[in-house]
Amino acid sequence: MNFDGDGQGGDIVVLSGTAEVDESGPSAAESTAWIAKHATEWERSGMTAESFAQRFSVPVGIHIVAVHGR
């Protein structure tokens, strides 16, 4: 994952864990929670839930085991 820092090397967060393909997970177009969270960003970039789900079609589950920051 990539999160913006403060542009000067600070406010960095490191997430450690594992990621795995989740074949049983819903696509972005099928998840009402995912749509509610990301609809505004998709609209700004000219996308819909359906077009996002087509472009990024593999659900991935991320299991975080540690968080480090500086």
PDB file of N, CA and C in Angstrom:
ATOM      1  N   MET A   1       0.837  -1.170   0.000  1.00  0.00           N
ATOM      2  CA  MET A   1       0.000   0.000   0.000  1.00  0.00           C
ATOM      3  C   MET A   1       0.880   1.230   0.000  1.00  0.00           C
ATOM      4  N   ASN A   2       0.349   2.323  -0.508  1.00  0.00           N
ATOM      5  CA  ASN A   2       1.082   3.564  -0.559  1.00  0.00           C
ATOM      6  C   ASN A   2       0.231   4.677   0.024  1.00  0.00           C
ATOM      7  N   PHE A   3       0.756   5.332   1.038  1.00  0.00           N
ATOM      8  CA  PHE A   3       0.098   6.477   1.626  1.00  0.00           C
ATOM      9  C   PHE A   3       1.021   7.676   1.493  1.00  0.00           C
ATOM     10  N   ASP A   4       0.449   8.829   1.210  1.00  0.00           N
ATOM     11  CA  ASP A   4       1.257  10.043   1.099  1.00  0.00           C
ATOM     12  C   ASP A   4       1.863  10.397   2.444  1.00  0.00           C
ATOM     13  N   GLY A   5       3.132  10.833   2.419  1.00  0.00           N
ATOM     14  CA  GLY A   5       3.771  11.378   3.603  1.00  0.00           C
ATOM     15  C   GLY A   5       3.588  12.883   3.591  1.00  0.00           C
ATOM     16  N   ASP A   6       4.442  13.574   4.307  1.00  0.00           N
ATOM     17  CA  ASP A   6       4.333  15.029   4.364  1.00  0.00           C
ATOM     18  C   ASP A   6       5.193  15.731   3.312  1.00  0.00           C
ATOM     19  N   GLY A   7       5.804  14.962   2.383  1.00  0.00           N
ATOM     20  CA  GLY A   7       6.643  15.545   1.339  1.00  0.00           C
ATOM     21  C   GLY A   7       8.066  15.804   1.785  1.00  0.00           C
ATOM     22  N   GLN A   8       8.350  15.571   3.068  1.00  0.00           N
ATOM     23  CA  GLN A   8       9.694  15.811   3.595  1.00  0.00           C
ATOM     24  C   GLN A   8      10.226  14.579   4.326  1.00  0.00           C
ATOM     25  N   GLY A   9       9.657  13.426   4.025  1.00  0.00           N
ATOM     26  CA  GLY A   9      10.123  12.188   4.642  1.00  0.00           C
ATOM     27  C   GLY A   9       9.462  11.852   5.964  1.00  0.00           C
ATOM     28  N   GLY A  10       8.483  12.631   6.364  1.00  0.00           N
ATOM     29  CA  GLY A  10       7.791  12.375   7.629  1.00  0.00           C
ATOM     30  C   GLY A  10       6.376  11.885   7.402  1.00  0.00           C
ATOM     31  N   ASP A  11       5.702  11.593   8.490  1.00  0.00           N
ATOM     32  CA  ASP A  11       4.332  11.082   8.453  1.00  0.00           C
ATOM     33  C   ASP A  11       4.236   9.828   7.597  1.00  0.00           C
ATOM     34  N   ILE A  12       5.211   8.954   7.726  1.00  0.00           N
ATOM     35  CA  ILE A  12       5.244   7.711   6.965  1.00  0.00           C
ATOM     36  C   ILE A  12       4.645   6.593   7.807  1.00  0.00           C
ATOM     37  N   VAL A  13       3.774   5.820   7.221  1.00  0.00           N
ATOM     38  CA  VAL A  13       3.171   4.679   7.892  1.00  0.00           C
ATOM     39  C   VAL A  13       3.542   3.425   7.098  1.00  0.00           C
ATOM     40  N   VAL A  14       4.022   2.424   7.793  1.00  0.00           N
ATOM     41  CA  VAL A  14       4.368   1.147   7.173  1.00  0.00           C
ATOM     42  C   VAL A  14       3.431   0.087   7.731  1.00  0.00           C
ATOM     43  N   LEU A  15       2.710  -0.568   6.832  1.00  0.00           N
ATOM     44  CA  LEU A  15       1.814  -1.649   7.214  1.00  0.00           C
ATOM     45  C   LEU A  15       2.463  -2.956   6.799  1.00  0.00           C
ATOM     46  N   SER A  16       2.624  -3.872   7.740  1.00  0.00           N
ATOM     47  CA  SER A  16       3.217  -5.171   7.445  1.00  0.00           C
ATOM     48  C   SER A  16       2.144  -6.239   7.544  1.00  0.00           C
ATOM     49  N   GLY A  17       2.163  -7.172   6.612  1.00  0.00           N
ATOM     50  CA  GLY A  17       1.194  -8.249   6.647  1.00  0.00           C
ATOM     51  C   GLY A  17       1.252  -9.069   5.384  1.00  0.00           C
ATOM     52  N   THR A  18       0.150  -9.748   5.117  1.00  0.00           N
ATOM     53  CA  THR A  18       0.069 -10.591   3.926  1.00  0.00           C
ATOM     54  C   THR A  18      -1.136 -10.175   3.095  1.00  0.00           C
ATOM     55  N   ALA A  19      -1.025 -10.426   1.818  1.00  0.00           N
ATOM     56  CA  ALA A  19      -2.128 -10.172   0.894  1.00  0.00           C
ATOM     57  C   ALA A  19      -2.418 -11.458   0.141  1.00  0.00           C
ATOM     58  N   GLU A  20      -3.693 -11.705  -0.111  1.00  0.00           N
ATOM     59  CA  GLU A  20      -4.049 -12.904  -0.870  1.00  0.00           C
ATOM     60  C   GLU A  20      -5.284 -12.626  -1.710  1.00  0.00           C
ATOM     61  N   VAL A  21      -5.324 -13.255  -2.852  1.00  0.00           N
ATOM     62  CA  VAL A  21      -6.482 -13.152  -3.737  1.00  0.00           C
ATOM     63  C   VAL A  21      -7.677 -13.752  -3.017  1.00  0.00           C
ATOM     64  N   ASP A  22      -8.801 -13.041  -3.042  1.00  0.00           N
ATOM     65  CA  ASP A  22     -10.023 -13.490  -2.382  1.00  0.00           C
ATOM     66  C   ASP A  22     -11.086 -13.761  -3.446  1.00  0.00           C
ATOM     67  N   GLU A  23     -11.038 -14.960  -4.008  1.00  0.00           N
ATOM     68  CA  GLU A  23     -11.963 -15.327  -5.083  1.00  0.00           C
ATOM     69  C   GLU A  23     -13.423 -15.253  -4.651  1.00  0.00           C
ATOM     70  N   SER A  24     -13.696 -15.391  -3.349  1.00  0.00           N
ATOM     71  CA  SER A  24     -15.075 -15.357  -2.875  1.00  0.00           C
ATOM     72  C   SER A  24     -15.566 -13.943  -2.592  1.00  0.00           C
ATOM     73  N   GLY A  25     -14.654 -12.974  -2.625  1.00  0.00           N
ATOM     74  CA  GLY A  25     -15.028 -11.596  -2.320  1.00  0.00           C
ATOM     75  C   GLY A  25     -15.830 -10.952  -3.438  1.00  0.00           C
ATOM     76  N   PRO A  26     -16.664  -9.960  -3.092  1.00  0.00           N
ATOM     77  CA  PRO A  26     -17.458  -9.273  -4.115  1.00  0.00           C
ATOM     78  C   PRO A  26     -16.576  -8.349  -4.952  1.00  0.00           C
ATOM     79  N   SER A  27     -17.010  -8.079  -6.160  1.00  0.00           N
ATOM     80  CA  SER A  27     -16.304  -7.091  -6.970  1.00  0.00           C
ATOM     81  C   SER A  27     -16.659  -5.709  -6.441  1.00  0.00           C
ATOM     82  N   ALA A  28     -15.917  -4.705  -6.861  1.00  0.00           N
ATOM     83  CA  ALA A  28     -16.206  -3.332  -6.428  1.00  0.00           C
ATOM     84  C   ALA A  28     -17.616  -2.917  -6.817  1.00  0.00           C
ATOM     85  N   ALA A  29     -18.124  -3.424  -7.919  1.00  0.00           N
ATOM     86  CA  ALA A  29     -19.463  -3.065  -8.386  1.00  0.00           C
ATOM     87  C   ALA A  29     -20.563  -3.755  -7.578  1.00  0.00           C
ATOM     88  N   GLU A  30     -20.195  -4.753  -6.767  1.00  0.00           N
ATOM     89  CA  GLU A  30     -21.177  -5.496  -5.980  1.00  0.00           C
ATOM     90  C   GLU A  30     -21.169  -5.118  -4.500  1.00  0.00           C
ATOM     91  N   SER A  31     -20.241  -4.296  -4.087  1.00  0.00           N
ATOM     92  CA  SER A  31     -20.092  -3.953  -2.679  1.00  0.00           C
ATOM     93  C   SER A  31     -20.634  -2.559  -2.410  1.00  0.00           C
ATOM     94  N   THR A  32     -21.780  -2.468  -1.749  1.00  0.00           N
ATOM     95  CA  THR A  32     -22.370  -1.154  -1.480  1.00  0.00           C
ATOM     96  C   THR A  32     -21.476  -0.304  -0.583  1.00  0.00           C
ATOM     97  N   ALA A  33     -20.778  -0.931   0.357  1.00  0.00           N
ATOM     98  CA  ALA A  33     -19.868  -0.177   1.225  1.00  0.00           C
ATOM     99  C   ALA A  33     -18.707   0.404   0.424  1.00  0.00           C
ATOM    100  N   TRP A  34     -18.152  -0.386  -0.484  1.00  0.00           N
ATOM    101  CA  TRP A  34     -17.031   0.062  -1.318  1.00  0.00           C
ATOM    102  C   TRP A  34     -17.490   1.197  -2.235  1.00  0.00           C
ATOM    103  N   ILE A  35     -18.673   1.060  -2.810  1.00  0.00           N
ATOM    104  CA  ILE A  35     -19.213   2.099  -3.693  1.00  0.00           C
ATOM    105  C   ILE A  35     -19.416   3.389  -2.915  1.00  0.00           C
ATOM    106  N   ALA A  36     -20.023   3.305  -1.734  1.00  0.00           N
ATOM    107  CA  ALA A  36     -20.264   4.509  -0.924  1.00  0.00           C
ATOM    108  C   ALA A  36     -18.957   5.206  -0.557  1.00  0.00           C
ATOM    109  N   LYS A  37     -17.928   4.427  -0.265  1.00  0.00           N
ATOM    110  CA  LYS A  37     -16.648   5.004   0.144  1.00  0.00           C
ATOM    111  C   LYS A  37     -15.904   5.662  -1.015  1.00  0.00           C
ATOM    112  N   HIS A  38     -15.995   5.105  -2.228  1.00  0.00           N
ATOM    113  CA  HIS A  38     -15.135   5.549  -3.324  1.00  0.00           C
ATOM    114  C   HIS A  38     -15.854   6.248  -4.482  1.00  0.00           C
ATOM    115  N   ALA A  39     -17.164   6.367  -4.436  1.00  0.00           N
ATOM    116  CA  ALA A  39     -17.913   6.914  -5.572  1.00  0.00           C
ATOM    117  C   ALA A  39     -17.445   8.307  -5.975  1.00  0.00           C
ATOM    118  N   THR A  40     -17.170   9.169  -5.013  1.00  0.00           N
ATOM    119  CA  THR A  40     -16.749  10.541  -5.331  1.00  0.00           C
ATOM    120  C   THR A  40     -15.417  10.547  -6.078  1.00  0.00           C
ATOM    121  N   GLU A  41     -14.466   9.739  -5.623  1.00  0.00           N
ATOM    122  CA  GLU A  41     -13.163   9.677  -6.295  1.00  0.00           C
ATOM    123  C   GLU A  41     -13.307   9.111  -7.702  1.00  0.00           C
ATOM    124  N   TRP A  42     -14.164   8.083  -7.854  1.00  0.00           N
ATOM    125  CA  TRP A  42     -14.379   7.511  -9.185  1.00  0.00           C
ATOM    126  C   TRP A  42     -14.966   8.552 -10.121  1.00  0.00           C
ATOM    127  N   GLU A  43     -15.952   9.299  -9.648  1.00  0.00           N
ATOM    128  CA  GLU A  43     -16.576  10.328 -10.488  1.00  0.00           C
ATOM    129  C   GLU A  43     -15.549  11.355 -10.937  1.00  0.00           C
ATOM    130  N   ARG A  44     -14.666  11.781 -10.019  1.00  0.00           N
ATOM    131  CA  ARG A  44     -13.632  12.759 -10.368  1.00  0.00           C
ATOM    132  C   ARG A  44     -12.695  12.249 -11.451  1.00  0.00           C
ATOM    133  N   SER A  45     -12.482  10.946 -11.485  1.00  0.00           N
ATOM    134  CA  SER A  45     -11.577  10.384 -12.492  1.00  0.00           C
ATOM    135  C   SER A  45     -12.327   9.800 -13.689  1.00  0.00           C
ATOM    136  N   GLY A  46     -13.637  10.069 -13.769  1.00  0.00           N
ATOM    137  CA  GLY A  46     -14.418   9.615 -14.918  1.00  0.00           C
ATOM    138  C   GLY A  46     -14.752   8.138 -14.899  1.00  0.00           C
ATOM    139  N   MET A  47     -14.747   7.538 -13.724  1.00  0.00           N
ATOM    140  CA  MET A  47     -15.029   6.109 -13.618  1.00  0.00           C
ATOM    141  C   MET A  47     -16.360   5.886 -12.912  1.00  0.00           C
ATOM    142  N   THR A  48     -16.857   4.667 -13.040  1.00  0.00           N
ATOM    143  CA  THR A  48     -18.015   4.198 -12.294  1.00  0.00           C
ATOM    144  C   THR A  48     -17.582   2.962 -11.527  1.00  0.00           C
ATOM    145  N   ALA A  49     -18.461   2.464 -10.667  1.00  0.00           N
ATOM    146  CA  ALA A  49     -18.143   1.227  -9.956  1.00  0.00           C
ATOM    147  C   ALA A  49     -17.898   0.102 -10.951  1.00  0.00           C
ATOM    148  N   GLU A  50     -18.696   0.077 -12.015  1.00  0.00           N
ATOM    149  CA  GLU A  50     -18.557  -0.988 -13.013  1.00  0.00           C
ATOM    150  C   GLU A  50     -17.225  -0.893 -13.761  1.00  0.00           C
ATOM    151  N   SER A  51     -16.847   0.323 -14.172  1.00  0.00           N
ATOM    152  CA  SER A  51     -15.584   0.459 -14.917  1.00  0.00           C
ATOM    153  C   SER A  51     -14.386   0.185 -14.003  1.00  0.00           C
ATOM    154  N   PHE A  52     -14.484   0.575 -12.736  1.00  0.00           N
ATOM    155  CA  PHE A  52     -13.417   0.264 -11.790  1.00  0.00           C
ATOM    156  C   PHE A  52     -13.293  -1.243 -11.609  1.00  0.00           C
ATOM    157  N   ALA A  53     -14.445  -1.917 -11.443  1.00  0.00           N
ATOM    158  CA  ALA A  53     -14.441  -3.369 -11.246  1.00  0.00           C
ATOM    159  C   ALA A  53     -13.888  -4.102 -12.464  1.00  0.00           C
ATOM    160  N   GLN A  54     -14.104  -3.569 -13.658  1.00  0.00           N
ATOM    161  CA  GLN A  54     -13.542  -4.197 -14.855  1.00  0.00           C
ATOM    162  C   GLN A  54     -12.030  -4.012 -14.904  1.00  0.00           C
ATOM    163  N   ARG A  55     -11.568  -2.830 -14.528  1.00  0.00           N
ATOM    164  CA  ARG A  55     -10.136  -2.543 -14.596  1.00  0.00           C
ATOM    165  C   ARG A  55      -9.366  -3.258 -13.486  1.00  0.00           C
ATOM    166  N   PHE A  56      -9.964  -3.312 -12.302  1.00  0.00           N
ATOM    167  CA  PHE A  56      -9.341  -3.958 -11.140  1.00  0.00           C
ATOM    168  C   PHE A  56     -10.252  -5.103 -10.713  1.00  0.00           C
ATOM    169  N   SER A  57     -10.129  -6.212 -11.404  1.00  0.00           N
ATOM    170  CA  SER A  57     -11.122  -7.283 -11.298  1.00  0.00           C
ATOM    171  C   SER A  57     -10.810  -8.373 -10.282  1.00  0.00           C
ATOM    172  N   VAL A  58      -9.673  -8.313  -9.623  1.00  0.00           N
ATOM    173  CA  VAL A  58      -9.299  -9.371  -8.693  1.00  0.00           C
ATOM    174  C   VAL A  58      -9.368  -8.834  -7.257  1.00  0.00           C
ATOM    175  N   PRO A  59     -10.330  -9.330  -6.451  1.00  0.00           N
ATOM    176  CA  PRO A  59     -10.392  -8.890  -5.048  1.00  0.00           C
ATOM    177  C   PRO A  59      -9.183  -9.408  -4.279  1.00  0.00           C
ATOM    178  N   VAL A  60      -8.589  -8.556  -3.471  1.00  0.00           N
ATOM    179  CA  VAL A  60      -7.434  -8.932  -2.665  1.00  0.00           C
ATOM    180  C   VAL A  60      -7.747  -8.611  -1.211  1.00  0.00           C
ATOM    181  N   GLY A  61      -7.552  -9.594  -0.352  1.00  0.00           N
ATOM    182  CA  GLY A  61      -7.695  -9.376   1.089  1.00  0.00           C
ATOM    183  C   GLY A  61      -6.327  -9.088   1.678  1.00  0.00           C
ATOM    184  N   ILE A  62      -6.253  -8.088   2.535  1.00  0.00           N
ATOM    185  CA  ILE A  62      -4.987  -7.729   3.171  1.00  0.00           C
ATOM    186  C   ILE A  62      -5.136  -7.937   4.668  1.00  0.00           C
ATOM    187  N   HIS A  63      -4.235  -8.705   5.238  1.00  0.00           N
ATOM    188  CA  HIS A  63      -4.255  -9.025   6.663  1.00  0.00           C
ATOM    189  C   HIS A  63      -3.058  -8.335   7.323  1.00  0.00           C
ATOM    190  N   ILE A  64      -3.312  -7.221   7.998  1.00  0.00           N
ATOM    191  CA  ILE A  64      -2.254  -6.427   8.608  1.00  0.00           C
ATOM    192  C   ILE A  64      -1.883  -7.039   9.955  1.00  0.00           C
ATOM    193  N   VAL A  65      -0.581  -7.226  10.161  1.00  0.00           N
ATOM    194  CA  VAL A  65      -0.109  -7.799  11.422  1.00  0.00           C
ATOM    195  C   VAL A  65       0.700  -6.794  12.254  1.00  0.00           C
ATOM    196  N   ALA A  66       1.149  -5.701  11.629  1.00  0.00           N
ATOM    197  CA  ALA A  66       1.905  -4.689  12.381  1.00  0.00           C
ATOM    198  C   ALA A  66       1.792  -3.354  11.653  1.00  0.00           C
ATOM    199  N   VAL A  67       1.824  -2.281  12.457  1.00  0.00           N
ATOM    200  CA  VAL A  67       1.794  -0.916  11.927  1.00  0.00           C
ATOM    201  C   VAL A  67       2.935  -0.151  12.569  1.00  0.00           C
ATOM    202  N   HIS A  68       3.725   0.504  11.733  1.00  0.00           N
ATOM    203  CA  HIS A  68       4.857   1.314  12.213  1.00  0.00           C
ATOM    204  C   HIS A  68       4.722   2.707  11.614  1.00  0.00           C
ATOM    205  N   GLY A  69       5.078   3.713  12.381  1.00  0.00           N
ATOM    206  CA  GLY A  69       5.032   5.069  11.849  1.00  0.00           C
ATOM    207  C   GLY A  69       6.217   5.872  12.309  1.00  0.00           C
ATOM    208  N   ARG A  70       6.469   6.923  11.541  1.00  0.00           N
ATOM    209  CA  ARG A  70       7.526   7.871  11.937  1.00  0.00           C
ATOM    210  C   ARG A  70       7.168   9.232  11.424  1.00  0.00           C
TER     211      ARG A  70
END
